[in-house]
């Protein structure tokens, strides 16, 4: 065939292209307790401020988590900021149900989604309390808060035995209320607990 084309006076134009693949954000790896590295995070920790609840201990963040806290009685809370809607509220709630080993019928999922509460402070958080869904006081449960701000979604999640989270609900709400973007007046102070 090439001989025929060459004989007709046509030039063969060879083009090459480089394929660019953009991997989706590994949202499924967020907030899991396996410690799996989910890749680079938003890197915006310097843009956020919060007040650490008095009984909680600050733990080092990592490339994904802006902040980590140890809860009294065991468990951990994390703060993560992702670009966009990070899959949306319902998809994240369904993922968290799966992480807890809970399989709810669609009508119960809708009821759970509609039972969300709000916490307003520097941001408006939608809060989901998974404690009533787990079987026992020593079973792992979640408290989660989701807020949209400036093209990002902020996720705050506490994971601990249900009895611990029940005692830490008010402290969790205090953390949500305190979360805010750093203002110009904050200067070069370190982010985190204003102590």
N, C-alpha and C. Protein backbone atom coordinates (compact mmCIF):
# COMPACT_ATOMS: atom_id res chain seq x y z
N UNK A 1 0.82 -1.18 0.00
CA UNK A 1 0.00 0.00 0.00
C UNK A 1 0.87 1.25 0.00
N UNK A 2 1.93 1.24 0.82
CA UNK A 2 2.82 2.38 0.87
C UNK A 2 3.48 2.63 -0.49
N UNK A 3 3.80 1.56 -1.17
CA UNK A 3 4.42 1.69 -2.49
C UNK A 3 3.45 2.38 -3.43
N UNK A 4 2.18 2.01 -3.34
CA UNK A 4 1.16 2.61 -4.19
C UNK A 4 1.02 4.09 -3.88
N UNK A 5 0.98 4.44 -2.58
CA UNK A 5 0.86 5.85 -2.20
C UNK A 5 2.07 6.65 -2.64
N UNK A 6 3.25 6.07 -2.46
CA UNK A 6 4.46 6.77 -2.86
C UNK A 6 4.48 6.97 -4.37
N UNK A 7 3.96 6.00 -5.07
CA UNK A 7 3.93 6.10 -6.52
C UNK A 7 2.96 7.15 -6.99
N UNK A 8 1.97 7.51 -6.17
CA UNK A 8 0.98 8.51 -6.55
C UNK A 8 1.45 9.92 -6.21
N UNK A 9 2.64 10.04 -5.68
CA UNK A 9 3.16 11.36 -5.35
C UNK A 9 2.69 11.89 -4.01
N UNK A 10 2.01 11.10 -3.24
CA UNK A 10 1.54 11.57 -1.92
C UNK A 10 2.64 11.34 -0.88
N UNK A 11 2.73 12.31 0.00
CA UNK A 11 3.67 12.16 1.10
C UNK A 11 2.93 11.56 2.29
N UNK A 12 3.62 10.74 3.02
CA UNK A 12 3.05 10.15 4.22
C UNK A 12 3.40 11.08 5.38
N UNK A 13 2.38 11.57 6.06
CA UNK A 13 2.56 12.47 7.19
C UNK A 13 2.45 11.66 8.48
N UNK A 14 3.55 11.51 9.18
CA UNK A 14 3.57 10.75 10.41
C UNK A 14 3.49 11.73 11.57
N UNK A 15 2.50 11.53 12.44
CA UNK A 15 2.34 12.38 13.62
C UNK A 15 2.43 11.51 14.87
N UNK A 16 3.01 12.07 15.87
CA UNK A 16 3.06 11.35 17.14
C UNK A 16 2.44 12.23 18.22
N UNK A 17 1.82 11.59 19.17
CA UNK A 17 1.14 12.28 20.25
C UNK A 17 1.57 11.66 21.57
N UNK A 18 1.58 12.48 22.58
CA UNK A 18 1.88 11.97 23.91
C UNK A 18 0.57 11.96 24.70
N UNK A 19 0.26 10.82 25.25
CA UNK A 19 -0.99 10.68 26.01
C UNK A 19 -0.77 11.18 27.42
N UNK A 20 -1.70 12.01 27.88
CA UNK A 20 -1.66 12.53 29.24
C UNK A 20 -2.82 11.92 29.99
N UNK A 21 -2.52 11.28 31.09
CA UNK A 21 -3.56 10.66 31.90
C UNK A 21 -3.64 11.39 33.22
N UNK A 22 -4.84 11.78 33.61
CA UNK A 22 -5.05 12.44 34.89
C UNK A 22 -5.78 11.45 35.78
N UNK A 23 -5.11 11.04 36.84
CA UNK A 23 -5.71 10.06 37.75
C UNK A 23 -6.71 10.76 38.65
N UNK A 24 -7.85 10.14 38.92
CA UNK A 24 -8.82 10.75 39.83
C UNK A 24 -8.27 10.75 41.26
N UNK A 25 -8.77 11.69 42.05
CA UNK A 25 -8.39 11.74 43.45
C UNK A 25 -8.84 10.46 44.13
N UNK A 26 -7.97 9.80 44.84
CA UNK A 26 -8.33 8.53 45.46
C UNK A 26 -9.18 8.74 46.71
N UNK A 27 -10.40 9.23 46.54
CA UNK A 27 -11.26 9.54 47.66
C UNK A 27 -11.53 8.31 48.51
N UNK A 28 -11.58 7.14 47.91
CA UNK A 28 -11.86 5.94 48.67
C UNK A 28 -10.81 5.64 49.72
N UNK A 29 -9.62 6.18 49.57
CA UNK A 29 -8.57 5.93 50.55
C UNK A 29 -8.58 6.95 51.69
N UNK A 30 -9.39 7.99 51.56
CA UNK A 30 -9.42 9.01 52.59
C UNK A 30 -10.02 8.45 53.87
N UNK A 31 -9.51 8.88 54.94
CA UNK A 31 -10.07 8.62 56.27
C UNK A 31 -10.09 7.14 56.63
N UNK A 32 -9.43 6.29 55.87
CA UNK A 32 -9.43 4.90 56.27
C UNK A 32 -8.40 4.72 57.37
N UNK A 33 -8.50 3.64 58.10
CA UNK A 33 -7.61 3.44 59.22
C UNK A 33 -6.44 2.53 58.85
N UNK A 34 -6.24 2.28 57.55
CA UNK A 34 -5.16 1.40 57.13
C UNK A 34 -3.84 2.13 57.03
N UNK A 35 -3.89 3.47 56.97
CA UNK A 35 -2.67 4.24 56.82
C UNK A 35 -2.16 4.26 55.39
N UNK A 36 -2.96 3.82 54.42
CA UNK A 36 -2.53 3.81 53.02
C UNK A 36 -2.29 5.23 52.55
N UNK A 37 -1.23 5.41 51.80
CA UNK A 37 -0.91 6.73 51.26
C UNK A 37 -1.77 6.98 50.04
N UNK A 38 -2.56 8.02 50.08
CA UNK A 38 -3.47 8.32 48.98
C UNK A 38 -2.91 9.34 48.02
N UNK A 39 -1.64 9.67 48.13
CA UNK A 39 -1.06 10.63 47.20
C UNK A 39 -1.01 12.01 47.81
N UNK A 40 -0.62 12.95 46.99
CA UNK A 40 -0.45 14.32 47.48
C UNK A 40 -1.78 14.94 47.84
N UNK A 41 -1.80 15.63 48.94
CA UNK A 41 -3.02 16.31 49.37
C UNK A 41 -3.11 17.69 48.78
N UNK A 42 -4.04 18.47 49.29
CA UNK A 42 -4.27 19.79 48.74
C UNK A 42 -3.14 20.76 49.05
N UNK A 43 -2.36 20.48 50.10
CA UNK A 43 -1.23 21.34 50.43
C UNK A 43 -1.62 22.72 50.88
N UNK A 44 -2.79 22.87 51.48
CA UNK A 44 -3.26 24.20 51.86
C UNK A 44 -3.29 24.40 53.36
N UNK A 45 -2.54 23.60 54.12
CA UNK A 45 -2.60 23.71 55.56
C UNK A 45 -2.30 25.12 56.05
N UNK A 46 -1.46 25.84 55.35
CA UNK A 46 -1.15 27.20 55.75
C UNK A 46 -2.32 28.16 55.57
N UNK A 47 -3.36 27.74 54.88
CA UNK A 47 -4.53 28.60 54.66
C UNK A 47 -5.64 28.36 55.67
N UNK A 48 -5.44 27.44 56.59
CA UNK A 48 -6.50 27.06 57.53
C UNK A 48 -6.06 27.26 58.96
N UNK A 49 -7.02 27.58 59.79
CA UNK A 49 -6.80 27.72 61.24
C UNK A 49 -7.89 26.95 61.96
N UNK A 50 -7.56 26.50 63.16
CA UNK A 50 -8.54 25.82 64.01
C UNK A 50 -8.07 25.91 65.44
N UNK A 51 -8.98 25.63 66.35
CA UNK A 51 -8.66 25.54 67.77
C UNK A 51 -8.81 24.08 68.16
N UNK A 52 -7.73 23.49 68.65
CA UNK A 52 -7.76 22.08 69.06
C UNK A 52 -8.57 21.95 70.34
N UNK A 53 -9.56 21.04 70.37
CA UNK A 53 -10.30 20.83 71.62
C UNK A 53 -9.35 20.51 72.77
N UNK A 54 -9.67 21.01 73.95
CA UNK A 54 -8.73 20.98 75.08
C UNK A 54 -8.25 19.59 75.46
N UNK A 55 -9.06 18.56 75.35
CA UNK A 55 -8.65 17.22 75.75
C UNK A 55 -8.03 16.42 74.60
N UNK A 56 -8.02 16.98 73.42
CA UNK A 56 -7.47 16.29 72.27
C UNK A 56 -5.99 16.61 72.13
N UNK A 57 -5.24 15.69 71.54
CA UNK A 57 -3.83 15.94 71.30
C UNK A 57 -3.60 16.11 69.80
N UNK A 58 -2.80 17.13 69.44
CA UNK A 58 -2.47 17.34 68.02
C UNK A 58 -1.42 16.33 67.61
N UNK A 59 -1.64 15.69 66.47
CA UNK A 59 -0.70 14.74 65.89
C UNK A 59 -0.17 15.35 64.61
N UNK A 60 0.99 14.90 64.13
CA UNK A 60 1.51 15.46 62.88
C UNK A 60 0.56 15.17 61.71
N UNK A 61 0.38 16.16 60.85
CA UNK A 61 -0.37 15.94 59.61
C UNK A 61 0.51 15.19 58.63
N UNK A 62 0.00 14.96 57.45
CA UNK A 62 0.80 14.33 56.41
C UNK A 62 0.44 14.97 55.09
N UNK A 63 0.84 14.36 53.99
CA UNK A 63 0.60 14.97 52.68
C UNK A 63 -0.88 15.10 52.35
N UNK A 64 -1.71 14.30 52.97
CA UNK A 64 -3.14 14.32 52.67
C UNK A 64 -3.93 15.05 53.74
N UNK A 65 -3.60 14.79 54.98
CA UNK A 65 -4.37 15.34 56.10
C UNK A 65 -3.76 16.66 56.55
N UNK A 66 -4.60 17.69 56.61
CA UNK A 66 -4.14 18.99 57.10
C UNK A 66 -3.84 18.92 58.58
N UNK A 67 -4.66 18.15 59.28
CA UNK A 67 -4.50 18.04 60.73
C UNK A 67 -4.97 16.67 61.17
N UNK A 68 -4.36 16.20 62.27
CA UNK A 68 -4.75 14.94 62.90
C UNK A 68 -4.79 15.18 64.40
N UNK A 69 -5.75 14.55 65.05
CA UNK A 69 -5.89 14.70 66.49
C UNK A 69 -6.13 13.34 67.12
N UNK A 70 -5.52 13.13 68.28
CA UNK A 70 -5.81 11.96 69.08
C UNK A 70 -6.95 12.28 70.03
N UNK A 71 -7.91 11.37 70.16
CA UNK A 71 -9.05 11.58 71.04
C UNK A 71 -8.81 10.88 72.38
N UNK A 72 -9.24 11.49 73.47
CA UNK A 72 -9.11 10.80 74.75
C UNK A 72 -9.97 9.54 74.73
N UNK A 73 -9.42 8.45 75.21
CA UNK A 73 -10.16 7.18 75.19
C UNK A 73 -9.91 6.38 73.93
N UNK A 74 -9.07 6.92 73.02
CA UNK A 74 -8.75 6.21 71.78
C UNK A 74 -9.48 6.77 70.59
N UNK A 75 -8.90 6.62 69.44
CA UNK A 75 -9.49 7.11 68.21
C UNK A 75 -8.76 8.32 67.68
N UNK A 76 -9.19 8.79 66.54
CA UNK A 76 -8.50 9.87 65.85
C UNK A 76 -9.50 10.71 65.07
N UNK A 77 -9.17 11.97 64.90
CA UNK A 77 -9.93 12.87 64.04
C UNK A 77 -8.97 13.46 63.02
N UNK A 78 -9.46 13.66 61.79
CA UNK A 78 -8.64 14.20 60.72
C UNK A 78 -9.36 15.33 60.01
N UNK A 79 -8.57 16.20 59.40
CA UNK A 79 -9.10 17.29 58.58
C UNK A 79 -8.42 17.18 57.22
N UNK A 80 -9.24 17.13 56.16
CA UNK A 80 -8.73 16.99 54.80
C UNK A 80 -9.45 18.00 53.91
N UNK A 81 -8.70 18.66 53.03
CA UNK A 81 -9.29 19.56 52.02
C UNK A 81 -8.99 18.99 50.64
N UNK A 82 -10.04 18.86 49.81
CA UNK A 82 -9.88 18.37 48.45
C UNK A 82 -10.50 19.36 47.48
N UNK A 83 -9.98 19.40 46.27
CA UNK A 83 -10.53 20.27 45.25
C UNK A 83 -11.90 19.77 44.81
N UNK A 84 -12.76 20.69 44.44
CA UNK A 84 -14.08 20.34 43.93
C UNK A 84 -14.99 19.77 45.00
N UNK A 85 -15.94 18.91 44.56
CA UNK A 85 -16.89 18.34 45.53
C UNK A 85 -16.46 16.96 46.02
N UNK A 86 -15.33 16.46 45.53
CA UNK A 86 -14.75 15.18 45.99
C UNK A 86 -15.76 14.04 45.95
N UNK A 87 -16.59 14.03 44.93
CA UNK A 87 -17.55 12.94 44.75
C UNK A 87 -18.95 13.26 45.24
N UNK A 88 -19.09 14.28 46.06
CA UNK A 88 -20.40 14.66 46.56
C UNK A 88 -20.71 14.04 47.92
N UNK A 89 -21.68 14.62 48.60
CA UNK A 89 -22.03 14.20 49.95
C UNK A 89 -22.53 12.76 49.98
N UNK A 90 -23.48 12.43 49.13
CA UNK A 90 -24.07 11.08 49.19
C UNK A 90 -23.03 9.99 48.92
N UNK A 91 -22.18 10.19 47.95
CA UNK A 91 -21.16 9.18 47.64
C UNK A 91 -20.22 8.97 48.82
N UNK A 92 -19.86 10.06 49.50
CA UNK A 92 -18.98 9.93 50.66
C UNK A 92 -19.68 9.25 51.82
N UNK A 93 -20.95 9.57 52.05
CA UNK A 93 -21.71 8.90 53.13
C UNK A 93 -21.81 7.42 52.84
N UNK A 94 -22.12 7.05 51.60
CA UNK A 94 -22.19 5.62 51.25
C UNK A 94 -20.84 4.93 51.45
N UNK A 95 -19.75 5.61 51.12
CA UNK A 95 -18.42 5.04 51.32
C UNK A 95 -18.14 4.83 52.81
N UNK A 96 -18.51 5.81 53.63
CA UNK A 96 -18.29 5.67 55.07
C UNK A 96 -19.14 4.54 55.65
N UNK A 97 -20.37 4.37 55.15
CA UNK A 97 -21.19 3.24 55.60
C UNK A 97 -20.49 1.92 55.27
N UNK A 98 -19.93 1.84 54.07
CA UNK A 98 -19.21 0.63 53.67
C UNK A 98 -18.00 0.40 54.56
N UNK A 99 -17.26 1.46 54.88
CA UNK A 99 -16.09 1.32 55.76
C UNK A 99 -16.48 0.77 57.13
N UNK A 100 -17.68 1.09 57.57
CA UNK A 100 -18.16 0.59 58.86
C UNK A 100 -18.80 -0.79 58.74
N UNK A 101 -18.86 -1.33 57.52
CA UNK A 101 -19.46 -2.64 57.32
C UNK A 101 -20.98 -2.61 57.39
N UNK A 102 -21.57 -1.45 57.14
CA UNK A 102 -23.02 -1.29 57.22
C UNK A 102 -23.62 -1.30 55.82
N UNK A 103 -24.63 -2.12 55.64
CA UNK A 103 -25.34 -2.20 54.38
C UNK A 103 -26.80 -1.83 54.65
N UNK A 104 -27.14 -0.58 54.32
CA UNK A 104 -28.49 -0.09 54.59
C UNK A 104 -29.32 -0.13 53.31
N UNK A 105 -30.61 -0.45 53.44
CA UNK A 105 -31.46 -0.35 52.25
C UNK A 105 -31.58 1.11 51.80
N UNK A 106 -31.90 1.34 50.53
CA UNK A 106 -31.94 2.71 49.99
C UNK A 106 -32.79 3.68 50.81
N UNK A 107 -33.94 3.22 51.33
CA UNK A 107 -34.79 4.14 52.09
C UNK A 107 -34.12 4.56 53.40
N UNK A 108 -33.35 3.67 54.03
CA UNK A 108 -32.64 4.04 55.26
C UNK A 108 -31.47 4.97 54.96
N UNK A 109 -30.82 4.78 53.81
CA UNK A 109 -29.75 5.70 53.42
C UNK A 109 -30.34 7.10 53.22
N UNK A 110 -31.47 7.18 52.52
CA UNK A 110 -32.11 8.49 52.31
C UNK A 110 -32.50 9.13 53.65
N UNK A 111 -33.03 8.32 54.57
CA UNK A 111 -33.40 8.83 55.89
C UNK A 111 -32.16 9.34 56.62
N UNK A 112 -31.07 8.57 56.54
CA UNK A 112 -29.84 8.99 57.20
C UNK A 112 -29.32 10.29 56.60
N UNK A 113 -29.33 10.40 55.28
CA UNK A 113 -28.88 11.63 54.63
C UNK A 113 -29.72 12.83 55.06
N UNK A 114 -31.02 12.62 55.21
CA UNK A 114 -31.90 13.73 55.60
C UNK A 114 -31.80 14.06 57.08
N UNK A 115 -31.18 13.17 57.86
CA UNK A 115 -31.04 13.42 59.31
C UNK A 115 -29.81 14.25 59.65
N UNK A 116 -29.07 14.68 58.64
CA UNK A 116 -27.84 15.45 58.89
C UNK A 116 -28.17 16.72 59.67
N UNK A 117 -27.25 17.11 60.51
CA UNK A 117 -27.40 18.36 61.24
C UNK A 117 -26.42 19.39 60.66
N UNK A 118 -26.52 20.60 61.14
CA UNK A 118 -25.63 21.67 60.67
C UNK A 118 -24.86 22.24 61.84
N UNK A 119 -23.62 22.59 61.58
CA UNK A 119 -22.80 23.31 62.55
C UNK A 119 -22.24 24.50 61.80
N UNK A 120 -22.49 25.68 62.34
CA UNK A 120 -22.04 26.90 61.68
C UNK A 120 -21.07 27.65 62.58
N UNK A 121 -19.98 28.01 61.99
CA UNK A 121 -18.97 28.82 62.66
C UNK A 121 -18.30 29.64 61.58
N UNK A 122 -17.00 29.42 61.39
CA UNK A 122 -16.30 30.05 60.28
C UNK A 122 -16.78 29.51 58.95
N UNK A 123 -17.28 28.26 58.94
CA UNK A 123 -17.81 27.58 57.76
C UNK A 123 -19.14 26.94 58.13
N UNK A 124 -19.91 26.54 57.11
CA UNK A 124 -21.17 25.83 57.33
C UNK A 124 -20.94 24.35 57.07
N UNK A 125 -20.95 23.54 58.12
CA UNK A 125 -20.73 22.11 58.01
C UNK A 125 -22.04 21.34 58.03
N UNK A 126 -22.12 20.32 57.18
CA UNK A 126 -23.18 19.31 57.26
C UNK A 126 -22.57 18.15 58.03
N UNK A 127 -23.24 17.74 59.11
CA UNK A 127 -22.67 16.76 60.03
C UNK A 127 -23.49 15.47 60.01
N UNK A 128 -22.78 14.35 59.93
CA UNK A 128 -23.40 13.03 59.97
C UNK A 128 -22.88 12.28 61.18
N UNK A 129 -23.80 11.77 61.99
CA UNK A 129 -23.48 11.03 63.21
C UNK A 129 -23.80 9.55 62.96
N UNK A 130 -22.76 8.74 62.82
CA UNK A 130 -22.93 7.31 62.52
C UNK A 130 -23.09 6.47 63.79
N UNK A 131 -22.99 7.08 64.97
CA UNK A 131 -23.05 6.34 66.22
C UNK A 131 -24.33 5.52 66.35
N UNK A 132 -25.52 6.06 66.07
CA UNK A 132 -26.74 5.26 66.23
C UNK A 132 -26.85 4.07 65.27
N UNK A 133 -26.01 4.04 64.24
CA UNK A 133 -26.10 2.97 63.25
C UNK A 133 -25.30 1.72 63.62
N UNK A 134 -24.32 1.88 64.51
CA UNK A 134 -23.49 0.72 64.87
C UNK A 134 -24.15 -0.07 65.99
N UNK A 135 -23.79 -1.34 66.09
CA UNK A 135 -24.48 -2.26 67.01
C UNK A 135 -24.12 -2.03 68.47
N UNK A 136 -22.84 -1.86 68.77
CA UNK A 136 -22.44 -1.81 70.17
C UNK A 136 -21.61 -0.59 70.52
N UNK A 137 -21.48 -0.34 71.82
CA UNK A 137 -20.73 0.82 72.29
C UNK A 137 -19.25 0.73 71.96
N UNK A 138 -18.73 -0.47 71.80
CA UNK A 138 -17.31 -0.63 71.49
C UNK A 138 -17.05 -0.78 69.99
N UNK A 139 -18.11 -0.76 69.17
CA UNK A 139 -17.93 -0.83 67.73
C UNK A 139 -17.45 0.53 67.21
N UNK A 140 -16.63 0.48 66.16
CA UNK A 140 -16.12 1.71 65.55
C UNK A 140 -17.27 2.48 64.91
N UNK A 141 -17.27 3.79 65.13
CA UNK A 141 -18.27 4.67 64.54
C UNK A 141 -17.55 5.92 64.03
N UNK A 142 -18.29 6.75 63.31
CA UNK A 142 -17.75 8.00 62.77
C UNK A 142 -18.63 9.17 63.15
N UNK A 143 -18.01 10.32 63.32
CA UNK A 143 -18.66 11.62 63.25
C UNK A 143 -17.99 12.31 62.08
N UNK A 144 -18.76 12.85 61.14
CA UNK A 144 -18.17 13.49 59.97
C UNK A 144 -18.80 14.85 59.73
N UNK A 145 -17.99 15.77 59.25
CA UNK A 145 -18.47 17.09 58.86
C UNK A 145 -17.94 17.41 57.47
N UNK A 146 -18.81 17.97 56.63
CA UNK A 146 -18.45 18.31 55.25
C UNK A 146 -18.83 19.77 55.01
N UNK A 147 -17.89 20.55 54.48
CA UNK A 147 -18.17 21.95 54.14
C UNK A 147 -17.53 22.28 52.80
N UNK A 148 -18.23 23.07 52.00
CA UNK A 148 -17.70 23.55 50.72
C UNK A 148 -17.25 24.99 50.90
N UNK A 149 -16.05 25.27 50.39
CA UNK A 149 -15.54 26.64 50.50
C UNK A 149 -14.53 26.88 49.39
N UNK A 150 -14.74 27.93 48.61
CA UNK A 150 -13.78 28.37 47.61
C UNK A 150 -13.31 27.30 46.65
N UNK A 151 -14.22 26.48 46.13
CA UNK A 151 -13.85 25.45 45.18
C UNK A 151 -13.22 24.22 45.81
N UNK A 152 -13.26 24.14 47.13
CA UNK A 152 -12.73 22.98 47.85
C UNK A 152 -13.83 22.39 48.72
N UNK A 153 -13.62 21.14 49.11
CA UNK A 153 -14.48 20.51 50.10
C UNK A 153 -13.61 20.14 51.28
N UNK A 154 -14.03 20.57 52.45
CA UNK A 154 -13.32 20.27 53.68
C UNK A 154 -14.04 19.13 54.38
N UNK A 155 -13.29 18.07 54.69
CA UNK A 155 -13.84 16.90 55.38
C UNK A 155 -13.20 16.82 56.76
N UNK A 156 -14.02 16.70 57.78
CA UNK A 156 -13.54 16.46 59.13
C UNK A 156 -14.18 15.16 59.58
N UNK A 157 -13.36 14.23 60.04
CA UNK A 157 -13.86 12.92 60.43
C UNK A 157 -13.24 12.49 61.74
N UNK A 158 -14.08 12.02 62.65
CA UNK A 158 -13.59 11.41 63.89
C UNK A 158 -13.97 9.94 63.83
N UNK A 159 -13.01 9.08 64.13
CA UNK A 159 -13.20 7.63 64.10
C UNK A 159 -12.75 7.07 65.43
N UNK A 160 -13.66 6.39 66.13
CA UNK A 160 -13.36 5.86 67.45
C UNK A 160 -14.49 4.90 67.84
N UNK A 161 -14.32 4.17 68.95
CA UNK A 161 -15.45 3.39 69.45
C UNK A 161 -16.65 4.31 69.73
N UNK A 162 -17.84 3.80 69.51
CA UNK A 162 -19.05 4.61 69.64
C UNK A 162 -19.14 5.31 71.00
N UNK A 163 -18.75 4.62 72.07
CA UNK A 163 -18.82 5.22 73.41
C UNK A 163 -17.90 6.44 73.53
N UNK A 164 -16.71 6.40 72.88
CA UNK A 164 -15.77 7.52 72.91
C UNK A 164 -16.35 8.69 72.12
N UNK A 165 -16.87 8.40 70.93
CA UNK A 165 -17.43 9.48 70.10
C UNK A 165 -18.64 10.13 70.77
N UNK A 166 -19.44 9.34 71.45
CA UNK A 166 -20.61 9.90 72.15
C UNK A 166 -20.15 10.95 73.17
N UNK A 167 -19.02 10.69 73.83
CA UNK A 167 -18.48 11.64 74.80
C UNK A 167 -17.81 12.84 74.13
N UNK A 168 -17.41 12.70 72.87
CA UNK A 168 -16.64 13.74 72.18
C UNK A 168 -17.46 14.55 71.18
N UNK A 169 -18.79 14.36 71.16
CA UNK A 169 -19.63 15.10 70.19
C UNK A 169 -19.44 16.61 70.33
N UNK A 170 -19.48 17.12 71.55
CA UNK A 170 -19.38 18.57 71.76
C UNK A 170 -18.00 19.07 71.32
N UNK A 171 -16.94 18.33 71.64
CA UNK A 171 -15.59 18.73 71.23
C UNK A 171 -15.47 18.72 69.71
N UNK A 172 -16.08 17.72 69.06
CA UNK A 172 -16.07 17.66 67.60
C UNK A 172 -16.75 18.89 67.01
N UNK A 173 -17.90 19.25 67.56
CA UNK A 173 -18.62 20.45 67.10
C UNK A 173 -17.77 21.70 67.32
N UNK A 174 -17.07 21.77 68.46
CA UNK A 174 -16.20 22.93 68.72
C UNK A 174 -15.10 23.04 67.68
N UNK A 175 -14.52 21.90 67.28
CA UNK A 175 -13.49 21.92 66.23
C UNK A 175 -14.09 22.46 64.94
N UNK A 176 -15.27 21.98 64.56
CA UNK A 176 -15.91 22.45 63.33
C UNK A 176 -16.17 23.95 63.38
N UNK A 177 -16.66 24.42 64.51
CA UNK A 177 -16.96 25.85 64.67
C UNK A 177 -15.69 26.68 64.51
N UNK A 178 -14.56 26.16 64.99
CA UNK A 178 -13.32 26.93 64.97
C UNK A 178 -12.62 26.93 63.61
N UNK A 179 -12.91 25.97 62.75
CA UNK A 179 -12.23 25.88 61.45
C UNK A 179 -12.57 27.09 60.58
N UNK A 180 -11.53 27.71 60.05
CA UNK A 180 -11.72 28.90 59.22
C UNK A 180 -10.50 29.09 58.33
N UNK A 181 -10.70 29.86 57.30
CA UNK A 181 -9.57 30.23 56.45
C UNK A 181 -8.72 31.23 57.20
N UNK A 182 -7.42 31.16 56.96
CA UNK A 182 -6.50 32.13 57.56
C UNK A 182 -6.80 33.50 56.97
N UNK A 183 -6.89 34.50 57.81
CA UNK A 183 -7.13 35.86 57.32
C UNK A 183 -5.79 36.59 57.24
N UNK A 184 -5.80 37.72 56.55
CA UNK A 184 -4.57 38.51 56.40
C UNK A 184 -4.04 38.95 57.75
N UNK A 185 -4.90 39.12 58.72
CA UNK A 185 -4.50 39.56 60.06
C UNK A 185 -3.81 38.49 60.87
N UNK A 186 -3.83 37.23 60.38
CA UNK A 186 -3.20 36.14 61.13
C UNK A 186 -1.68 36.18 61.00
N UNK A 187 -1.15 36.93 60.06
CA UNK A 187 0.29 37.08 59.92
C UNK A 187 1.00 35.77 59.69
N UNK A 188 2.16 35.63 60.26
CA UNK A 188 2.97 34.43 60.07
C UNK A 188 2.85 33.44 61.21
N UNK A 189 1.80 33.58 62.02
CA UNK A 189 1.62 32.65 63.13
C UNK A 189 1.47 31.24 62.58
N UNK A 190 1.88 30.27 63.36
CA UNK A 190 1.67 28.87 62.96
C UNK A 190 0.19 28.58 62.98
N UNK A 191 -0.23 27.70 62.08
CA UNK A 191 -1.63 27.32 62.06
C UNK A 191 -1.87 26.32 63.18
N UNK A 192 -3.14 26.09 63.45
CA UNK A 192 -3.49 25.11 64.47
C UNK A 192 -3.98 25.78 65.72
N UNK A 193 -3.78 25.13 66.83
CA UNK A 193 -4.31 25.59 68.11
C UNK A 193 -3.69 26.92 68.49
N UNK A 194 -4.54 27.87 68.80
CA UNK A 194 -4.07 29.20 69.18
C UNK A 194 -3.58 29.22 70.63
N UNK A 195 -3.91 28.11 71.34
CA UNK A 195 -3.46 27.92 72.71
C UNK A 195 -3.49 29.16 73.48
